[in-house]
């Protein structure tokens, strides 16, 4: 019976709820902008990793190296796009 109970998914759900409570505390505790954004960014990236690994089963297939490589590549492209847009539009560099 023990092997039928999805303990990994239950722990992932509890950890996701804990991360959500931490993120909500930024709003309810009226933190400063810098501290609040730092906490929100950290919890967002950890939450994405939990969703990818536990609920989308990214590490359970034979091609997990390809999955993680593609994920890292996508993250790099997203960061270059965001910071390139900030560089051009907000910071005034062309």
C-alpha atoms as a PDB file:
ATOM      1  CA  UNK A   1       0.000   0.000   0.000  1.00  0.00           C
ATOM      2  CA  UNK A   2       2.915   2.333   0.702  1.00  0.00           C
ATOM      3  CA  UNK A   3       4.030   2.316  -2.949  1.00  0.00           C
ATOM      4  CA  UNK A   4       0.528   3.351  -4.074  1.00  0.00           C
ATOM      5  CA  UNK A   5       0.436   6.556  -2.004  1.00  0.00           C
ATOM      6  CA  UNK A   6       1.896   9.547  -3.906  1.00  0.00           C
ATOM      7  CA  UNK A   7       4.016  10.913  -1.046  1.00  0.00           C
ATOM      8  CA  UNK A   8       6.280  12.851  -3.416  1.00  0.00           C
ATOM      9  CA  UNK A   9       3.330  14.716  -4.919  1.00  0.00           C
ATOM     10  CA  UNK A  10       1.798  15.400  -1.497  1.00  0.00           C
ATOM     11  CA  UNK A  11       5.095  16.817  -0.232  1.00  0.00           C
ATOM     12  CA  UNK A  12       5.365  18.917  -3.396  1.00  0.00           C
ATOM     13  CA  UNK A  13       1.851  20.247  -2.855  1.00  0.00           C
ATOM     14  CA  UNK A  14       2.585  21.148   0.765  1.00  0.00           C
ATOM     15  CA  UNK A  15       5.837  22.854  -0.260  1.00  0.00           C
ATOM     16  CA  UNK A  16       3.957  24.772  -2.985  1.00  0.00           C
ATOM     17  CA  UNK A  17       1.412  25.960  -0.442  1.00  0.00           C
ATOM     18  CA  UNK A  18       4.228  27.046   1.884  1.00  0.00           C
ATOM     19  CA  UNK A  19       5.827  29.038  -0.946  1.00  0.00           C
ATOM     20  CA  UNK A  20       2.456  30.650  -1.677  1.00  0.00           C
ATOM     21  CA  UNK A  21       2.085  31.688   1.971  1.00  0.00           C
ATOM     22  CA  UNK A  22       5.591  33.195   1.907  1.00  0.00           C
ATOM     23  CA  UNK A  23       4.721  35.136  -1.268  1.00  0.00           C
ATOM     24  CA  UNK A  24       1.439  36.356   0.240  1.00  0.00           C
ATOM     25  CA  UNK A  25       3.268  37.539   3.338  1.00  0.00           C
ATOM     26  CA  UNK A  26       4.995  40.166   1.167  1.00  0.00           C
ATOM     27  CA  UNK A  27       1.627  41.828   0.616  1.00  0.00           C
ATOM     28  CA  UNK A  28       0.168  41.390   4.077  1.00  0.00           C
ATOM     29  CA  UNK A  29       3.298  42.422   6.006  1.00  0.00           C
ATOM     30  CA  UNK A  30       3.778  45.583   3.887  1.00  0.00           C
ATOM     31  CA  UNK A  31       7.450  44.991   3.189  1.00  0.00           C
ATOM     32  CA  UNK A  32       9.736  47.392   1.380  1.00  0.00           C
ATOM     33  CA  UNK A  33       9.869  47.192  -2.399  1.00  0.00           C
ATOM     34  CA  UNK A  34      13.382  45.756  -2.579  1.00  0.00           C
ATOM     35  CA  UNK A  35      12.801  43.082   0.053  1.00  0.00           C
ATOM     36  CA  UNK A  36       9.395  42.195  -1.358  1.00  0.00           C
ATOM     37  CA  UNK A  37      10.668  41.822  -4.913  1.00  0.00           C
ATOM     38  CA  UNK A  38      13.597  39.710  -3.733  1.00  0.00           C
ATOM     39  CA  UNK A  39      11.296  37.352  -1.844  1.00  0.00           C
ATOM     40  CA  UNK A  40       8.836  37.168  -4.747  1.00  0.00           C
ATOM     41  CA  UNK A  41      11.555  36.396  -7.304  1.00  0.00           C
ATOM     42  CA  UNK A  42      13.082  33.674  -5.157  1.00  0.00           C
ATOM     43  CA  UNK A  43       9.737  32.042  -4.391  1.00  0.00           C
ATOM     44  CA  UNK A  44       8.699  32.250  -8.070  1.00  0.00           C
ATOM     45  CA  UNK A  45      11.817  30.456  -9.316  1.00  0.00           C
ATOM     46  CA  UNK A  46      11.628  27.819  -6.577  1.00  0.00           C
ATOM     47  CA  UNK A  47       7.917  27.316  -7.315  1.00  0.00           C
ATOM     48  CA  UNK A  48       8.660  26.854 -11.028  1.00  0.00           C
ATOM     49  CA  UNK A  49      11.348  24.295 -10.210  1.00  0.00           C
ATOM     50  CA  UNK A  50       8.987  22.380  -7.902  1.00  0.00           C
ATOM     51  CA  UNK A  51       6.282  22.333 -10.575  1.00  0.00           C
ATOM     52  CA  UNK A  52       8.730  21.177 -13.248  1.00  0.00           C
ATOM     53  CA  UNK A  53      10.408  18.421 -11.289  1.00  0.00           C
ATOM     54  CA  UNK A  54       7.614  17.044  -9.112  1.00  0.00           C
ATOM     55  CA  UNK A  55       4.372  17.587 -10.994  1.00  0.00           C
ATOM     56  CA  UNK A  56       5.604  17.524 -14.601  1.00  0.00           C
ATOM     57  CA  UNK A  57       7.958  14.586 -13.898  1.00  0.00           C
ATOM     58  CA  UNK A  58      10.909  16.200 -15.688  1.00  0.00           C
ATOM     59  CA  UNK A  59      13.521  14.033 -14.001  1.00  0.00           C
ATOM     60  CA  UNK A  60      11.814  10.681 -14.455  1.00  0.00           C
ATOM     61  CA  UNK A  61      12.437  10.037 -18.142  1.00  0.00           C
ATOM     62  CA  UNK A  62      15.453   8.761 -20.042  1.00  0.00           C
ATOM     63  CA  UNK A  63      16.093  12.139 -21.674  1.00  0.00           C
ATOM     64  CA  UNK A  64      16.180  14.245 -18.520  1.00  0.00           C
ATOM     65  CA  UNK A  65      19.470  15.832 -19.607  1.00  0.00           C
ATOM     66  CA  UNK A  66      17.782  17.167 -22.745  1.00  0.00           C
ATOM     67  CA  UNK A  67      14.800  18.416 -20.742  1.00  0.00           C
ATOM     68  CA  UNK A  68      16.980  20.319 -18.277  1.00  0.00           C
ATOM     69  CA  UNK A  69      19.195  21.689 -21.073  1.00  0.00           C
ATOM     70  CA  UNK A  70      16.154  22.977 -22.941  1.00  0.00           C
ATOM     71  CA  UNK A  71      14.757  24.513 -19.760  1.00  0.00           C
ATOM     72  CA  UNK A  72      18.020  26.312 -19.008  1.00  0.00           C
ATOM     73  CA  UNK A  73      18.225  27.505 -22.624  1.00  0.00           C
ATOM     74  CA  UNK A  74      14.669  28.863 -22.411  1.00  0.00           C
ATOM     75  CA  UNK A  75      15.492  30.626 -19.155  1.00  0.00           C
ATOM     76  CA  UNK A  76      18.569  32.235 -20.720  1.00  0.00           C
ATOM     77  CA  UNK A  77      16.537  33.422 -23.725  1.00  0.00           C
ATOM     78  CA  UNK A  78      13.860  34.849 -21.410  1.00  0.00           C
ATOM     79  CA  UNK A  79      16.435  36.699 -19.294  1.00  0.00           C
ATOM     80  CA  UNK A  80      18.192  38.129 -22.357  1.00  0.00           C
ATOM     81  CA  UNK A  81      14.839  39.300 -23.720  1.00  0.00           C
ATOM     82  CA  UNK A  82      13.766  40.923 -20.444  1.00  0.00           C
ATOM     83  CA  UNK A  83      17.086  42.610 -19.711  1.00  0.00           C
ATOM     84  CA  UNK A  84      17.538  43.628 -23.356  1.00  0.00           C
ATOM     85  CA  UNK A  85      14.116  45.278 -23.280  1.00  0.00           C
ATOM     86  CA  UNK A  86      14.966  47.035 -20.021  1.00  0.00           C
ATOM     87  CA  UNK A  87      18.270  48.155 -21.477  1.00  0.00           C
ATOM     88  CA  UNK A  88      16.599  49.679 -24.533  1.00  0.00           C
ATOM     89  CA  UNK A  89      13.380  51.075 -23.072  1.00  0.00           C
ATOM     90  CA  UNK A  90      14.038  51.975 -19.450  1.00  0.00           C
ATOM     91  CA  UNK A  91      17.748  52.606 -19.136  1.00  0.00           C
ATOM     92  CA  UNK A  92      17.993  54.470 -22.440  1.00  0.00           C
ATOM     93  CA  UNK A  93      20.710  52.510 -24.220  1.00  0.00           C
ATOM     94  CA  UNK A  94      20.232  51.763 -27.898  1.00  0.00           C
END
